[in-house]
Amino acid sequence: QVRLVESGGGLVQAGGSLRLSCAPSGHTLRSYNMGWFRQAPGKEREFVAADTWSDSSTYYANSVKGRFTISRDNAKNTVYLQMNSLKPEDTAVYYCAASVLPGRRRDGDYNYWGQGTQVTVSS
């Protein structure tokens, strides 16, 4: 069992930036492919970004492409989601997830999930 812990959420004005972090408790991220998802009130959870641990490929939802960046620091055993040019429609609970499968956009393909961190973007 891999327990993921997110941090870095908060309240920011439109146009601002936030960096979310996700670290596993008691496990290494190595060999896991990581993803970020979000869920806004009254909406289904949606894919945001993912990576592939073996070749560092990255994948993004069209709505965040060019604004968000997924990265990982293996020395710190942490994966990040850098969010720039934030918009009110980015407001959601953000979840990190780990998968044994690379570059997945479906939440059903992820084996482990964090508890989520709230991001609120004010207009």
N, C-alpha and C. Protein backbone atom coordinates (compact mmCIF):
# COMPACT_ATOMS: atom_id res chain seq x y z
N GLN A 1 0.84 -1.19 0.00
CA GLN A 1 0.00 0.00 0.00
C GLN A 1 0.88 1.24 0.00
N VAL A 2 0.61 2.14 -0.94
CA VAL A 2 1.34 3.39 -1.04
C VAL A 2 0.44 4.52 -0.58
N ARG A 3 0.87 5.26 0.41
CA ARG A 3 0.10 6.40 0.90
C ARG A 3 0.73 7.67 0.35
N LEU A 4 -0.07 8.44 -0.36
CA LEU A 4 0.39 9.68 -0.97
C LEU A 4 -0.12 10.88 -0.17
N VAL A 5 0.74 11.85 0.01
CA VAL A 5 0.38 13.03 0.79
C VAL A 5 0.63 14.27 -0.07
N GLU A 6 -0.45 15.02 -0.35
CA GLU A 6 -0.33 16.26 -1.12
C GLU A 6 -0.20 17.45 -0.19
N SER A 7 0.41 18.50 -0.71
CA SER A 7 0.48 19.77 0.01
C SER A 7 0.64 20.89 -1.00
N GLY A 8 0.45 22.13 -0.53
CA GLY A 8 0.71 23.28 -1.38
C GLY A 8 -0.53 23.99 -1.89
N GLY A 9 -1.70 23.46 -1.60
CA GLY A 9 -2.91 24.14 -2.04
C GLY A 9 -3.13 25.42 -1.26
N GLY A 10 -4.11 26.20 -1.71
CA GLY A 10 -4.43 27.44 -1.03
C GLY A 10 -5.28 28.34 -1.87
N LEU A 11 -5.35 29.59 -1.44
CA LEU A 11 -6.15 30.62 -2.13
C LEU A 11 -5.19 31.54 -2.88
N VAL A 12 -5.49 31.78 -4.14
CA VAL A 12 -4.64 32.64 -4.96
C VAL A 12 -5.53 33.45 -5.90
N GLN A 13 -5.07 34.63 -6.27
CA GLN A 13 -5.81 35.45 -7.22
C GLN A 13 -5.58 34.94 -8.64
N ALA A 14 -6.54 35.22 -9.48
CA ALA A 14 -6.41 34.86 -10.90
C ALA A 14 -5.12 35.46 -11.46
N GLY A 15 -4.41 34.66 -12.24
CA GLY A 15 -3.13 35.07 -12.79
C GLY A 15 -1.94 34.66 -11.94
N GLY A 16 -2.22 34.22 -10.72
CA GLY A 16 -1.15 33.82 -9.81
C GLY A 16 -0.68 32.39 -10.04
N SER A 17 0.20 31.94 -9.16
CA SER A 17 0.81 30.63 -9.28
C SER A 17 0.76 29.89 -7.95
N LEU A 18 0.76 28.57 -8.06
CA LEU A 18 0.88 27.69 -6.91
C LEU A 18 1.69 26.48 -7.34
N ARG A 19 2.38 25.87 -6.39
CA ARG A 19 3.05 24.61 -6.66
C ARG A 19 2.56 23.56 -5.67
N LEU A 20 1.98 22.52 -6.21
CA LEU A 20 1.52 21.40 -5.38
C LEU A 20 2.64 20.35 -5.31
N SER A 21 2.72 19.71 -4.16
CA SER A 21 3.69 18.65 -3.95
C SER A 21 2.98 17.37 -3.56
N CYS A 22 3.58 16.25 -3.89
CA CYS A 22 3.01 14.95 -3.54
C CYS A 22 4.16 14.02 -3.21
N ALA A 23 4.12 13.45 -2.04
CA ALA A 23 5.18 12.54 -1.62
C ALA A 23 4.56 11.28 -1.03
N PRO A 24 5.14 10.14 -1.30
CA PRO A 24 4.63 8.90 -0.71
C PRO A 24 5.17 8.71 0.70
N SER A 25 4.38 8.07 1.51
CA SER A 25 4.81 7.79 2.87
C SER A 25 5.37 6.38 2.93
N GLY A 26 6.69 6.28 3.14
CA GLY A 26 7.27 4.96 3.30
C GLY A 26 7.55 4.21 2.03
N HIS A 27 7.41 4.88 0.87
CA HIS A 27 7.68 4.22 -0.40
C HIS A 27 8.45 5.16 -1.31
N THR A 28 9.07 4.60 -2.32
CA THR A 28 9.73 5.40 -3.32
C THR A 28 8.81 5.60 -4.51
N LEU A 29 8.94 6.79 -5.12
CA LEU A 29 8.16 7.05 -6.32
C LEU A 29 8.73 6.34 -7.54
N ARG A 30 9.98 5.92 -7.42
CA ARG A 30 10.62 5.26 -8.55
C ARG A 30 9.81 4.05 -8.98
N SER A 31 9.61 3.94 -10.27
CA SER A 31 8.86 2.89 -10.95
C SER A 31 7.35 3.13 -10.94
N TYR A 32 6.90 4.20 -10.30
CA TYR A 32 5.49 4.57 -10.39
C TYR A 32 5.34 5.74 -11.36
N ASN A 33 4.32 5.67 -12.15
CA ASN A 33 3.94 6.76 -13.02
C ASN A 33 2.93 7.61 -12.27
N MET A 34 3.13 8.91 -12.27
CA MET A 34 2.33 9.78 -11.42
C MET A 34 1.36 10.61 -12.24
N GLY A 35 0.24 10.90 -11.61
CA GLY A 35 -0.76 11.73 -12.26
C GLY A 35 -1.35 12.72 -11.28
N TRP A 36 -1.89 13.80 -11.83
CA TRP A 36 -2.66 14.77 -11.06
C TRP A 36 -4.07 14.84 -11.66
N PHE A 37 -5.04 14.84 -10.80
CA PHE A 37 -6.43 14.98 -11.17
C PHE A 37 -7.04 16.09 -10.32
N ARG A 38 -8.22 16.54 -10.72
CA ARG A 38 -8.92 17.54 -9.92
C ARG A 38 -10.41 17.31 -9.99
N GLN A 39 -11.08 17.79 -8.95
CA GLN A 39 -12.54 17.67 -8.91
C GLN A 39 -13.12 18.95 -8.35
N ALA A 40 -13.90 19.61 -9.17
CA ALA A 40 -14.59 20.83 -8.76
C ALA A 40 -15.95 20.46 -8.18
N PRO A 41 -16.54 21.31 -7.36
CA PRO A 41 -17.85 21.01 -6.77
C PRO A 41 -18.90 20.72 -7.84
N GLY A 42 -19.59 19.62 -7.67
CA GLY A 42 -20.65 19.26 -8.59
C GLY A 42 -20.18 18.68 -9.91
N LYS A 43 -18.88 18.47 -10.05
CA LYS A 43 -18.34 17.94 -11.30
C LYS A 43 -17.60 16.63 -11.05
N GLU A 44 -17.40 15.88 -12.13
CA GLU A 44 -16.64 14.66 -12.02
C GLU A 44 -15.15 14.96 -11.92
N ARG A 45 -14.42 14.02 -11.36
CA ARG A 45 -12.97 14.16 -11.30
C ARG A 45 -12.40 14.10 -12.72
N GLU A 46 -11.44 14.99 -12.99
CA GLU A 46 -10.89 15.05 -14.33
C GLU A 46 -9.37 15.00 -14.31
N PHE A 47 -8.83 14.48 -15.39
CA PHE A 47 -7.39 14.39 -15.57
C PHE A 47 -6.78 15.77 -15.74
N VAL A 48 -5.61 15.97 -15.14
CA VAL A 48 -4.88 17.23 -15.29
C VAL A 48 -3.53 17.00 -15.97
N ALA A 49 -2.72 16.10 -15.39
CA ALA A 49 -1.38 15.88 -15.93
C ALA A 49 -0.87 14.51 -15.48
N ALA A 50 0.09 13.98 -16.24
CA ALA A 50 0.69 12.69 -15.88
C ALA A 50 2.11 12.63 -16.41
N ASP A 51 2.90 11.74 -15.82
CA ASP A 51 4.24 11.53 -16.35
C ASP A 51 4.52 10.04 -16.48
N THR A 52 5.63 9.73 -17.09
CA THR A 52 6.11 8.37 -17.20
C THR A 52 7.48 8.32 -16.56
N TRP A 53 7.66 7.47 -15.55
CA TRP A 53 8.89 7.51 -14.79
C TRP A 53 10.09 7.06 -15.61
N SER A 54 9.86 6.16 -16.58
CA SER A 54 11.00 5.56 -17.28
C SER A 54 11.66 6.52 -18.26
N ASP A 55 10.87 7.42 -18.89
CA ASP A 55 11.48 8.30 -19.88
C ASP A 55 11.10 9.76 -19.68
N SER A 56 10.46 10.06 -18.56
CA SER A 56 10.09 11.43 -18.21
C SER A 56 9.11 12.08 -19.18
N SER A 57 8.39 11.29 -19.96
CA SER A 57 7.34 11.86 -20.80
C SER A 57 6.27 12.49 -19.93
N THR A 58 5.65 13.54 -20.45
CA THR A 58 4.58 14.20 -19.72
C THR A 58 3.35 14.36 -20.60
N TYR A 59 2.20 14.44 -19.97
CA TYR A 59 0.92 14.52 -20.66
C TYR A 59 0.04 15.52 -19.91
N TYR A 60 -0.74 16.29 -20.67
CA TYR A 60 -1.56 17.32 -20.05
C TYR A 60 -2.96 17.37 -20.66
N ALA A 61 -3.91 17.75 -19.84
CA ALA A 61 -5.22 18.08 -20.35
C ALA A 61 -5.11 19.37 -21.16
N ASN A 62 -5.93 19.48 -22.19
CA ASN A 62 -5.87 20.68 -23.03
C ASN A 62 -6.12 21.95 -22.23
N SER A 63 -6.95 21.85 -21.20
CA SER A 63 -7.32 23.03 -20.43
C SER A 63 -6.16 23.61 -19.62
N VAL A 64 -5.10 22.82 -19.40
CA VAL A 64 -3.98 23.30 -18.58
C VAL A 64 -2.66 23.34 -19.35
N LYS A 65 -2.67 22.84 -20.57
CA LYS A 65 -1.44 22.78 -21.37
C LYS A 65 -0.86 24.18 -21.54
N GLY A 66 0.43 24.31 -21.29
CA GLY A 66 1.10 25.59 -21.39
C GLY A 66 1.07 26.41 -20.10
N ARG A 67 0.24 25.99 -19.15
CA ARG A 67 0.15 26.72 -17.86
C ARG A 67 0.65 25.86 -16.70
N PHE A 68 0.41 24.56 -16.76
CA PHE A 68 0.78 23.65 -15.68
C PHE A 68 1.95 22.77 -16.13
N THR A 69 2.79 22.40 -15.16
CA THR A 69 3.92 21.52 -15.44
C THR A 69 4.03 20.47 -14.35
N ILE A 70 4.07 19.21 -14.77
CA ILE A 70 4.31 18.12 -13.84
C ILE A 70 5.80 17.78 -13.87
N SER A 71 6.36 17.57 -12.71
CA SER A 71 7.78 17.21 -12.64
C SER A 71 8.00 16.37 -11.39
N ARG A 72 9.15 15.75 -11.31
CA ARG A 72 9.46 14.99 -10.12
C ARG A 72 10.93 15.18 -9.76
N ASP A 73 11.20 15.09 -8.47
CA ASP A 73 12.55 15.15 -7.94
C ASP A 73 12.79 13.82 -7.23
N ASN A 74 13.52 12.94 -7.89
CA ASN A 74 13.71 11.61 -7.32
C ASN A 74 14.53 11.66 -6.04
N ALA A 75 15.43 12.62 -5.94
CA ALA A 75 16.24 12.74 -4.72
C ALA A 75 15.36 13.08 -3.53
N LYS A 76 14.32 13.88 -3.77
CA LYS A 76 13.40 14.26 -2.70
C LYS A 76 12.17 13.35 -2.66
N ASN A 77 12.12 12.41 -3.62
CA ASN A 77 11.00 11.48 -3.66
C ASN A 77 9.65 12.21 -3.69
N THR A 78 9.60 13.23 -4.54
CA THR A 78 8.42 14.11 -4.58
C THR A 78 8.07 14.42 -6.03
N VAL A 79 6.79 14.48 -6.30
CA VAL A 79 6.31 14.93 -7.60
C VAL A 79 5.59 16.26 -7.40
N TYR A 80 5.71 17.14 -8.38
CA TYR A 80 5.16 18.49 -8.28
C TYR A 80 4.18 18.77 -9.40
N LEU A 81 3.30 19.71 -9.13
CA LEU A 81 2.47 20.29 -10.18
C LEU A 81 2.60 21.81 -10.04
N GLN A 82 3.37 22.40 -10.94
CA GLN A 82 3.52 23.84 -10.97
C GLN A 82 2.37 24.42 -11.78
N MET A 83 1.61 25.31 -11.16
CA MET A 83 0.44 25.88 -11.81
C MET A 83 0.62 27.38 -11.95
N ASN A 84 0.70 27.85 -13.17
CA ASN A 84 0.86 29.26 -13.46
C ASN A 84 -0.38 29.80 -14.17
N SER A 85 -0.50 31.11 -14.20
CA SER A 85 -1.62 31.77 -14.88
C SER A 85 -2.95 31.15 -14.47
N LEU A 86 -3.12 31.00 -13.20
CA LEU A 86 -4.32 30.33 -12.70
C LEU A 86 -5.59 31.12 -13.01
N LYS A 87 -6.65 30.36 -13.24
CA LYS A 87 -7.96 30.93 -13.58
C LYS A 87 -8.98 30.47 -12.55
N PRO A 88 -10.06 31.21 -12.39
CA PRO A 88 -11.10 30.77 -11.44
C PRO A 88 -11.61 29.36 -11.74
N GLU A 89 -11.62 28.98 -13.00
CA GLU A 89 -12.10 27.64 -13.36
C GLU A 89 -11.12 26.53 -12.98
N ASP A 90 -9.96 26.90 -12.50
CA ASP A 90 -9.01 25.90 -11.97
C ASP A 90 -9.33 25.54 -10.52
N THR A 91 -10.28 26.23 -9.92
CA THR A 91 -10.66 25.94 -8.55
C THR A 91 -11.18 24.52 -8.42
N ALA A 92 -10.59 23.74 -7.53
CA ALA A 92 -10.95 22.33 -7.36
C ALA A 92 -10.12 21.75 -6.23
N VAL A 93 -10.48 20.53 -5.85
CA VAL A 93 -9.60 19.72 -5.02
C VAL A 93 -8.69 18.95 -5.96
N TYR A 94 -7.39 19.06 -5.72
CA TYR A 94 -6.40 18.41 -6.58
C TYR A 94 -5.86 17.16 -5.88
N TYR A 95 -5.80 16.08 -6.65
CA TYR A 95 -5.35 14.80 -6.14
C TYR A 95 -4.12 14.33 -6.92
N CYS A 96 -3.16 13.77 -6.23
CA CYS A 96 -2.10 13.06 -6.93
C CYS A 96 -2.40 11.57 -6.83
N ALA A 97 -1.89 10.84 -7.81
CA ALA A 97 -2.15 9.41 -7.89
C ALA A 97 -0.95 8.70 -8.50
N ALA A 98 -0.82 7.43 -8.17
CA ALA A 98 0.29 6.62 -8.67
C ALA A 98 -0.25 5.42 -9.43
N SER A 99 0.42 5.13 -10.54
CA SER A 99 -0.01 4.02 -11.38
C SER A 99 1.20 3.20 -11.81
N VAL A 100 0.99 1.94 -12.01
CA VAL A 100 2.05 1.10 -12.57
C VAL A 100 2.05 1.21 -14.09
N LEU A 101 1.04 1.87 -14.65
CA LEU A 101 0.92 2.03 -16.09
C LEU A 101 1.33 3.45 -16.47
N PRO A 102 2.02 3.64 -17.59
CA PRO A 102 2.53 4.96 -17.94
C PRO A 102 1.52 5.85 -18.66
N GLY A 103 1.59 7.14 -18.36
CA GLY A 103 0.87 8.15 -19.12
C GLY A 103 -0.63 7.99 -19.17
N ARG A 104 -1.24 7.58 -18.08
CA ARG A 104 -2.67 7.29 -18.10
C ARG A 104 -3.50 8.53 -17.78
N ARG A 105 -4.61 8.66 -18.46
CA ARG A 105 -5.52 9.78 -18.26
C ARG A 105 -6.81 9.37 -17.55
N ARG A 106 -7.04 8.10 -17.40
CA ARG A 106 -8.24 7.61 -16.73
C ARG A 106 -7.95 7.36 -15.26
N ASP A 107 -8.79 7.85 -14.39
CA ASP A 107 -8.53 7.67 -12.96
C ASP A 107 -8.59 6.20 -12.56
N GLY A 108 -9.34 5.39 -13.32
CA GLY A 108 -9.42 3.97 -13.02
C GLY A 108 -8.12 3.22 -13.22
N ASP A 109 -7.16 3.84 -13.91
CA ASP A 109 -5.87 3.20 -14.14
C ASP A 109 -4.86 3.47 -13.03
N TYR A 110 -5.26 4.23 -12.03
CA TYR A 110 -4.36 4.57 -10.94
C TYR A 110 -4.66 3.71 -9.71
N ASN A 111 -3.57 3.27 -9.09
CA ASN A 111 -3.69 2.32 -7.99
C ASN A 111 -3.77 2.99 -6.62
N TYR A 112 -3.13 4.14 -6.48
CA TYR A 112 -3.04 4.80 -5.18
C TYR A 112 -3.36 6.27 -5.33
N TRP A 113 -4.00 6.82 -4.30
CA TRP A 113 -4.45 8.22 -4.33
C TRP A 113 -4.11 8.94 -3.05
N GLY A 114 -3.86 10.24 -3.18
CA GLY A 114 -3.73 11.08 -2.00
C GLY A 114 -5.08 11.55 -1.52
N GLN A 115 -5.06 12.33 -0.45
CA GLN A 115 -6.31 12.77 0.16
C GLN A 115 -6.85 14.04 -0.49
N GLY A 116 -6.04 14.69 -1.29
CA GLY A 116 -6.47 15.89 -1.99
C GLY A 116 -6.07 17.16 -1.27
N THR A 117 -5.87 18.21 -2.05
CA THR A 117 -5.57 19.53 -1.49
C THR A 117 -6.38 20.57 -2.25
N GLN A 118 -6.97 21.50 -1.52
CA GLN A 118 -7.88 22.48 -2.12
C GLN A 118 -7.11 23.61 -2.77
N VAL A 119 -7.48 23.93 -3.99
CA VAL A 119 -6.96 25.10 -4.70
C VAL A 119 -8.15 25.99 -5.03
N THR A 120 -8.08 27.23 -4.59
CA THR A 120 -9.14 28.19 -4.86
C THR A 120 -8.54 29.40 -5.55
N VAL A 121 -9.09 29.74 -6.71
CA VAL A 121 -8.60 30.87 -7.49
C VAL A 121 -9.70 31.92 -7.52
N SER A 122 -9.41 33.07 -6.96
CA SER A 122 -10.40 34.15 -6.91
C SER A 122 -10.24 35.06 -8.13
N SER A 123 -11.37 35.61 -8.56
CA SER A 123 -11.36 36.49 -9.75
C SER A 123 -11.08 37.93 -9.38
